[in-house]
Amino acid sequence: MPGDVRDGERIPRRPLPEFEEAASFAEALQRDGFIGTALGDKNQYGPVAMMVLLLIVAAITGTILRLLRNL
């Protein structure tokens, strides 16, 4: 049950978020959006969307650093 502390644990568990299954990654993005899937964890493709978000942020950061190095 949410809020209960199990043996060996010090921090109570939080309630589980609403979760709906999606047939594919494309359907998950279409239904819940990229931010809802990656950050809101609204379906089972949350970790996949989070990795894609990480790649996007890393590419943007690398591009900015490369442009600043050339100044």
PDB file of N, CA and C in Angstrom:
ATOM      1  N   MET A   1       0.826  -1.177   0.000  1.00  0.00           N
ATOM      2  CA  MET A   1       0.000   0.000   0.000  1.00  0.00           C
ATOM      3  C   MET A   1       0.874   1.244   0.000  1.00  0.00           C
ATOM      4  N   PRO A   2       0.495   2.285  -0.762  1.00  0.00           N
ATOM      5  CA  PRO A   2       1.286   3.518  -0.774  1.00  0.00           C
ATOM      6  C   PRO A   2       1.347   4.157   0.602  1.00  0.00           C
ATOM      7  N   GLY A   3       2.492   4.686   0.942  1.00  0.00           N
ATOM      8  CA  GLY A   3       2.663   5.332   2.238  1.00  0.00           C
ATOM      9  C   GLY A   3       3.140   4.396   3.324  1.00  0.00           C
ATOM     10  N   ASP A   4       3.073   3.104   3.080  1.00  0.00           N
ATOM     11  CA  ASP A   4       3.544   2.144   4.079  1.00  0.00           C
ATOM     12  C   ASP A   4       5.052   1.991   3.976  1.00  0.00           C
ATOM     13  N   VAL A   5       5.673   1.682   5.095  1.00  0.00           N
ATOM     14  CA  VAL A   5       7.103   1.423   5.120  1.00  0.00           C
ATOM     15  C   VAL A   5       7.288  -0.078   5.311  1.00  0.00           C
ATOM     16  N   ARG A   6       7.978  -0.698   4.378  1.00  0.00           N
ATOM     17  CA  ARG A   6       8.232  -2.143   4.455  1.00  0.00           C
ATOM     18  C   ARG A   6       9.463  -2.398   5.312  1.00  0.00           C
ATOM     19  N   ASP A   7       9.649  -3.654   5.712  1.00  0.00           N
ATOM     20  CA  ASP A   7      10.821  -4.022   6.504  1.00  0.00           C
ATOM     21  C   ASP A   7      12.093  -3.716   5.731  1.00  0.00           C
ATOM     22  N   GLY A   8      13.041  -3.071   6.388  1.00  0.00           N
ATOM     23  CA  GLY A   8      14.310  -2.749   5.770  1.00  0.00           C
ATOM     24  C   GLY A   8      14.298  -1.446   4.984  1.00  0.00           C
ATOM     25  N   GLU A   9      13.158  -0.780   4.910  1.00  0.00           N
ATOM     26  CA  GLU A   9      13.064   0.488   4.184  1.00  0.00           C
ATOM     27  C   GLU A   9      12.805   1.620   5.164  1.00  0.00           C
ATOM     28  N   ARG A  10      13.348   2.790   4.854  1.00  0.00           N
ATOM     29  CA  ARG A  10      13.149   3.951   5.715  1.00  0.00           C
ATOM     30  C   ARG A  10      12.201   4.978   5.112  1.00  0.00           C
ATOM     31  N   ILE A  11      12.111   4.973   3.786  1.00  0.00           N
ATOM     32  CA  ILE A  11      11.308   5.975   3.095  1.00  0.00           C
ATOM     33  C   ILE A  11      10.008   5.332   2.627  1.00  0.00           C
ATOM     34  N   PRO A  12       8.869   5.932   2.946  1.00  0.00           N
ATOM     35  CA  PRO A  12       7.610   5.349   2.484  1.00  0.00           C
ATOM     36  C   PRO A  12       7.477   5.450   0.967  1.00  0.00           C
ATOM     37  N   ARG A  13       6.819   4.472   0.390  1.00  0.00           N
ATOM     38  CA  ARG A  13       6.616   4.456  -1.057  1.00  0.00           C
ATOM     39  C   ARG A  13       5.544   5.463  -1.438  1.00  0.00           C
ATOM     40  N   ARG A  14       5.734   6.106  -2.597  1.00  0.00           N
ATOM     41  CA  ARG A  14       4.740   7.061  -3.073  1.00  0.00           C
ATOM     42  C   ARG A  14       3.675   6.321  -3.866  1.00  0.00           C
ATOM     43  N   PRO A  15       2.497   6.915  -4.002  1.00  0.00           N
ATOM     44  CA  PRO A  15       1.470   6.253  -4.809  1.00  0.00           C
ATOM     45  C   PRO A  15       1.899   6.163  -6.275  1.00  0.00           C
ATOM     46  N   LEU A  16       1.489   5.096  -6.941  1.00  0.00           N
ATOM     47  CA  LEU A  16       1.850   4.900  -8.339  1.00  0.00           C
ATOM     48  C   LEU A  16       1.102   5.905  -9.212  1.00  0.00           C
ATOM     49  N   PRO A  17       1.764   6.428 -10.265  1.00  0.00           N
ATOM     50  CA  PRO A  17       1.085   7.355 -11.172  1.00  0.00           C
ATOM     51  C   PRO A  17       0.097   6.616 -12.067  1.00  0.00           C
ATOM     52  N   GLU A  18      -0.796   7.377 -12.692  1.00  0.00           N
ATOM     53  CA  GLU A  18      -1.706   6.764 -13.658  1.00  0.00           C
ATOM     54  C   GLU A  18      -0.874   6.230 -14.815  1.00  0.00           C
ATOM     55  N   PHE A  19      -1.227   5.054 -15.295  1.00  0.00           N
ATOM     56  CA  PHE A  19      -0.427   4.367 -16.300  1.00  0.00           C
ATOM     57  C   PHE A  19      -1.361   3.677 -17.273  1.00  0.00           C
ATOM     58  N   GLU A  20      -1.188   3.943 -18.566  1.00  0.00           N
ATOM     59  CA  GLU A  20      -1.983   3.278 -19.595  1.00  0.00           C
ATOM     60  C   GLU A  20      -1.039   2.644 -20.610  1.00  0.00           C
ATOM     61  N   GLU A  21      -1.301   1.400 -20.950  1.00  0.00           N
ATOM     62  CA  GLU A  21      -0.480   0.690 -21.926  1.00  0.00           C
ATOM     63  C   GLU A  21      -0.653   1.301 -23.311  1.00  0.00           C
ATOM     64  N   ALA A  22       0.407   1.286 -24.102  1.00  0.00           N
ATOM     65  CA  ALA A  22       0.373   1.721 -25.491  1.00  0.00           C
ATOM     66  C   ALA A  22       0.911   0.589 -26.355  1.00  0.00           C
ATOM     67  N   ALA A  23       0.380   0.472 -27.557  1.00  0.00           N
ATOM     68  CA  ALA A  23       0.786  -0.629 -28.436  1.00  0.00           C
ATOM     69  C   ALA A  23       2.176  -0.415 -29.015  1.00  0.00           C
ATOM     70  N   SER A  24       2.570   0.858 -29.226  1.00  0.00           N
ATOM     71  CA  SER A  24       3.872   1.143 -29.808  1.00  0.00           C
ATOM     72  C   SER A  24       4.370   2.490 -29.297  1.00  0.00           C
ATOM     73  N   PHE A  25       5.646   2.758 -29.549  1.00  0.00           N
ATOM     74  CA  PHE A  25       6.241   4.024 -29.134  1.00  0.00           C
ATOM     75  C   PHE A  25       5.564   5.188 -29.854  1.00  0.00           C
ATOM     76  N   ALA A  26       5.263   4.988 -31.147  1.00  0.00           N
ATOM     77  CA  ALA A  26       4.595   6.036 -31.930  1.00  0.00           C
ATOM     78  C   ALA A  26       3.204   6.340 -31.366  1.00  0.00           C
ATOM     79  N   GLU A  27       2.477   5.298 -30.991  1.00  0.00           N
ATOM     80  CA  GLU A  27       1.148   5.504 -30.403  1.00  0.00           C
ATOM     81  C   GLU A  27       1.258   6.222 -29.056  1.00  0.00           C
ATOM     82  N   ALA A  28       2.268   5.878 -28.287  1.00  0.00           N
ATOM     83  CA  ALA A  28       2.465   6.531 -26.987  1.00  0.00           C
ATOM     84  C   ALA A  28       2.736   8.018 -27.169  1.00  0.00           C
ATOM     85  N   LEU A  29       3.576   8.357 -28.161  1.00  0.00           N
ATOM     86  CA  LEU A  29       3.870   9.764 -28.421  1.00  0.00           C
ATOM     87  C   LEU A  29       2.646  10.491 -28.959  1.00  0.00           C
ATOM     88  N   GLN A  30       1.885   9.832 -29.795  1.00  0.00           N
ATOM     89  CA  GLN A  30       0.694  10.449 -30.365  1.00  0.00           C
ATOM     90  C   GLN A  30      -0.346  10.715 -29.281  1.00  0.00           C
ATOM     91  N   ARG A  31      -0.550   9.773 -28.407  1.00  0.00           N
ATOM     92  CA  ARG A  31      -1.593   9.889 -27.394  1.00  0.00           C
ATOM     93  C   ARG A  31      -1.189  10.788 -26.235  1.00  0.00           C
ATOM     94  N   ASP A  32       0.014  10.597 -25.691  1.00  0.00           N
ATOM     95  CA  ASP A  32       0.417  11.306 -24.479  1.00  0.00           C
ATOM     96  C   ASP A  32       1.397  12.436 -24.728  1.00  0.00           C
ATOM     97  N   GLY A  33       1.926  12.550 -25.948  1.00  0.00           N
ATOM     98  CA  GLY A  33       2.907  13.575 -26.255  1.00  0.00           C
ATOM     99  C   GLY A  33       4.292  13.173 -25.779  1.00  0.00           C
ATOM    100  N   PHE A  34       5.300  13.865 -26.318  1.00  0.00           N
ATOM    101  CA  PHE A  34       6.684  13.508 -25.984  1.00  0.00           C
ATOM    102  C   PHE A  34       7.001  13.833 -24.520  1.00  0.00           C
ATOM    103  N   ILE A  35       6.608  15.033 -24.077  1.00  0.00           N
ATOM    104  CA  ILE A  35       6.895  15.433 -22.696  1.00  0.00           C
ATOM    105  C   ILE A  35       6.104  14.573 -21.707  1.00  0.00           C
ATOM    106  N   GLY A  36       4.857  14.270 -22.030  1.00  0.00           N
ATOM    107  CA  GLY A  36       4.055  13.413 -21.152  1.00  0.00           C
ATOM    108  C   GLY A  36       4.618  12.019 -21.025  1.00  0.00           C
ATOM    109  N   THR A  37       5.172  11.523 -22.123  1.00  0.00           N
ATOM    110  CA  THR A  37       5.760  10.183 -22.096  1.00  0.00           C
ATOM    111  C   THR A  37       7.100  10.190 -21.373  1.00  0.00           C
ATOM    112  N   ALA A  38       7.959  11.170 -21.693  1.00  0.00           N
ATOM    113  CA  ALA A  38       9.311  11.188 -21.119  1.00  0.00           C
ATOM    114  C   ALA A  38       9.314  11.624 -19.661  1.00  0.00           C
ATOM    115  N   LEU A  39       8.648  12.715 -19.368  1.00  0.00           N
ATOM    116  CA  LEU A  39       8.722  13.271 -18.011  1.00  0.00           C
ATOM    117  C   LEU A  39       7.542  12.880 -17.132  1.00  0.00           C
ATOM    118  N   GLY A  40       6.370  12.701 -17.741  1.00  0.00           N
ATOM    119  CA  GLY A  40       5.182  12.349 -16.969  1.00  0.00           C
ATOM    120  C   GLY A  40       5.047  10.862 -16.725  1.00  0.00           C
ATOM    121  N   ASP A  41       5.810  10.054 -17.466  1.00  0.00           N
ATOM    122  CA  ASP A  41       5.800   8.592 -17.314  1.00  0.00           C
ATOM    123  C   ASP A  41       4.375   8.041 -17.392  1.00  0.00           C
ATOM    124  N   LYS A  42       3.650   8.428 -18.446  1.00  0.00           N
ATOM    125  CA  LYS A  42       2.248   8.052 -18.577  1.00  0.00           C
ATOM    126  C   LYS A  42       2.038   6.690 -19.225  1.00  0.00           C
ATOM    127  N   ASN A  43       3.108   6.072 -19.734  1.00  0.00           N
ATOM    128  CA  ASN A  43       2.994   4.739 -20.333  1.00  0.00           C
ATOM    129  C   ASN A  43       4.330   4.012 -20.194  1.00  0.00           C
ATOM    130  N   GLN A  44       4.389   2.808 -20.736  1.00  0.00           N
ATOM    131  CA  GLN A  44       5.579   1.984 -20.546  1.00  0.00           C
ATOM    132  C   GLN A  44       6.777   2.443 -21.355  1.00  0.00           C
ATOM    133  N   TYR A  45       6.616   3.421 -22.236  1.00  0.00           N
ATOM    134  CA  TYR A  45       7.715   3.911 -23.058  1.00  0.00           C
ATOM    135  C   TYR A  45       8.406   5.135 -22.444  1.00  0.00           C
ATOM    136  N   GLY A  46       8.158   5.428 -21.194  1.00  0.00           N
ATOM    137  CA  GLY A  46       8.796   6.555 -20.522  1.00  0.00           C
ATOM    138  C   GLY A  46      10.315   6.486 -20.542  1.00  0.00           C
ATOM    139  N   PRO A  47      10.922   5.358 -20.204  1.00  0.00           N
ATOM    140  CA  PRO A  47      12.387   5.280 -20.245  1.00  0.00           C
ATOM    141  C   PRO A  47      12.966   5.456 -21.652  1.00  0.00           C
ATOM    142  N   VAL A  48      12.279   4.959 -22.667  1.00  0.00           N
ATOM    143  CA  VAL A  48      12.750   5.118 -24.046  1.00  0.00           C
ATOM    144  C   VAL A  48      12.706   6.589 -24.443  1.00  0.00           C
ATOM    145  N   ALA A  49      11.601   7.251 -24.129  1.00  0.00           N
ATOM    146  CA  ALA A  49      11.466   8.677 -24.442  1.00  0.00           C
ATOM    147  C   ALA A  49      12.486   9.498 -23.664  1.00  0.00           C
ATOM    148  N   MET A  50      12.801   9.093 -22.448  1.00  0.00           N
ATOM    149  CA  MET A  50      13.804   9.799 -21.649  1.00  0.00           C
ATOM    150  C   MET A  50      15.186   9.674 -22.289  1.00  0.00           C
ATOM    151  N   MET A  51      15.519   8.508 -22.854  1.00  0.00           N
ATOM    152  CA  MET A  51      16.806   8.350 -23.543  1.00  0.00           C
ATOM    153  C   MET A  51      16.862   9.214 -24.800  1.00  0.00           C
ATOM    154  N   VAL A  52      15.754   9.289 -25.538  1.00  0.00           N
ATOM    155  CA  VAL A  52      15.708  10.150 -26.717  1.00  0.00           C
ATOM    156  C   VAL A  52      15.890  11.605 -26.303  1.00  0.00           C
ATOM    157  N   LEU A  53      15.230  12.011 -25.221  1.00  0.00           N
ATOM    158  CA  LEU A  53      15.378  13.375 -24.707  1.00  0.00           C
ATOM    159  C   LEU A  53      16.828  13.640 -24.307  1.00  0.00           C
ATOM    160  N   LEU A  54      17.472  12.674 -23.689  1.00  0.00           N
ATOM    161  CA  LEU A  54      18.878  12.813 -23.311  1.00  0.00           C
ATOM    162  C   LEU A  54      19.763  13.002 -24.546  1.00  0.00           C
ATOM    163  N   LEU A  55      19.505  12.239 -25.607  1.00  0.00           N
ATOM    164  CA  LEU A  55      20.275  12.386 -26.840  1.00  0.00           C
ATOM    165  C   LEU A  55      20.064  13.763 -27.469  1.00  0.00           C
ATOM    166  N   ILE A  56      18.844  14.262 -27.445  1.00  0.00           N
ATOM    167  CA  ILE A  56      18.556  15.592 -28.000  1.00  0.00           C
ATOM    168  C   ILE A  56      19.288  16.666 -27.220  1.00  0.00           C
ATOM    169  N   VAL A  57      19.197  16.607 -25.891  1.00  0.00           N
ATOM    170  CA  VAL A  57      19.866  17.605 -25.046  1.00  0.00           C
ATOM    171  C   VAL A  57      21.381  17.517 -25.211  1.00  0.00           C
ATOM    172  N   ALA A  58      21.923  16.314 -25.298  1.00  0.00           N
ATOM    173  CA  ALA A  58      23.369  16.153 -25.490  1.00  0.00           C
ATOM    174  C   ALA A  58      23.811  16.713 -26.840  1.00  0.00           C
ATOM    175  N   ALA A  59      23.015  16.505 -27.889  1.00  0.00           N
ATOM    176  CA  ALA A  59      23.366  17.027 -29.213  1.00  0.00           C
ATOM    177  C   ALA A  59      23.335  18.556 -29.214  1.00  0.00           C
ATOM    178  N   ILE A  60      22.340  19.131 -28.578  1.00  0.00           N
ATOM    179  CA  ILE A  60      22.247  20.597 -28.505  1.00  0.00           C
ATOM    180  C   ILE A  60      23.413  21.160 -27.700  1.00  0.00           C
ATOM    181  N   THR A  61      23.714  20.535 -26.576  1.00  0.00           N
ATOM    182  CA  THR A  61      24.825  20.994 -25.740  1.00  0.00           C
ATOM    183  C   THR A  61      26.151  20.884 -26.484  1.00  0.00           C
ATOM    184  N   GLY A  62      26.383  19.776 -27.162  1.00  0.00           N
ATOM    185  CA  GLY A  62      27.614  19.595 -27.933  1.00  0.00           C
ATOM    186  C   GLY A  62      27.738  20.610 -29.049  1.00  0.00           C
ATOM    187  N   THR A  63      26.639  20.906 -29.715  1.00  0.00           N
ATOM    188  CA  THR A  63      26.652  21.907 -30.787  1.00  0.00           C
ATOM    189  C   THR A  63      26.988  23.286 -30.242  1.00  0.00           C
ATOM    190  N   ILE A  64      26.380  23.654 -29.133  1.00  0.00           N
ATOM    191  CA  ILE A  64      26.662  24.956 -28.515  1.00  0.00           C
ATOM    192  C   ILE A  64      28.117  25.049 -28.086  1.00  0.00           C
ATOM    193  N   LEU A  65      28.632  24.002 -27.466  1.00  0.00           N
ATOM    194  CA  LEU A  65      30.036  24.009 -27.042  1.00  0.00           C
ATOM    195  C   LEU A  65      30.986  24.105 -28.227  1.00  0.00           C
ATOM    196  N   ARG A  66      30.680  23.427 -29.308  1.00  0.00           N
ATOM    197  CA  ARG A  66      31.525  23.482 -30.505  1.00  0.00           C
ATOM    198  C   ARG A  66      31.482  24.879 -31.123  1.00  0.00           C
ATOM    199  N   LEU A  67      30.313  25.499 -31.149  1.00  0.00           N
ATOM    200  CA  LEU A  67      30.196  26.847 -31.696  1.00  0.00           C
ATOM    201  C   LEU A  67      30.935  27.857 -30.822  1.00  0.00           C
ATOM    202  N   LEU A  68      30.864  27.690 -29.502  1.00  0.00           N
ATOM    203  CA  LEU A  68      31.572  28.611 -28.601  1.00  0.00           C
ATOM    204  C   LEU A  68      33.077  28.438 -28.686  1.00  0.00           C
ATOM    205  N   ARG A  69      33.540  27.230 -28.968  1.00  0.00           N
ATOM    206  CA  ARG A  69      34.980  26.979 -29.070  1.00  0.00           C
ATOM    207  C   ARG A  69      35.575  27.674 -30.287  1.00  0.00           C
ATOM    208  N   ASN A  70      34.778  27.819 -31.331  1.00  0.00           N
ATOM    209  CA  ASN A  70      35.260  28.422 -32.569  1.00  0.00           C
ATOM    210  C   ASN A  70      35.238  29.944 -32.534  1.00  0.00           C
ATOM    211  N   LEU A  71      34.730  30.548 -31.505  1.00  0.00           N
ATOM    212  CA  LEU A  71      34.689  32.023 -31.441  1.00  0.00           C
ATOM    213  C   LEU A  71      36.024  32.621 -31.093  1.00  0.00           C
TER     214      LEU A  71
END
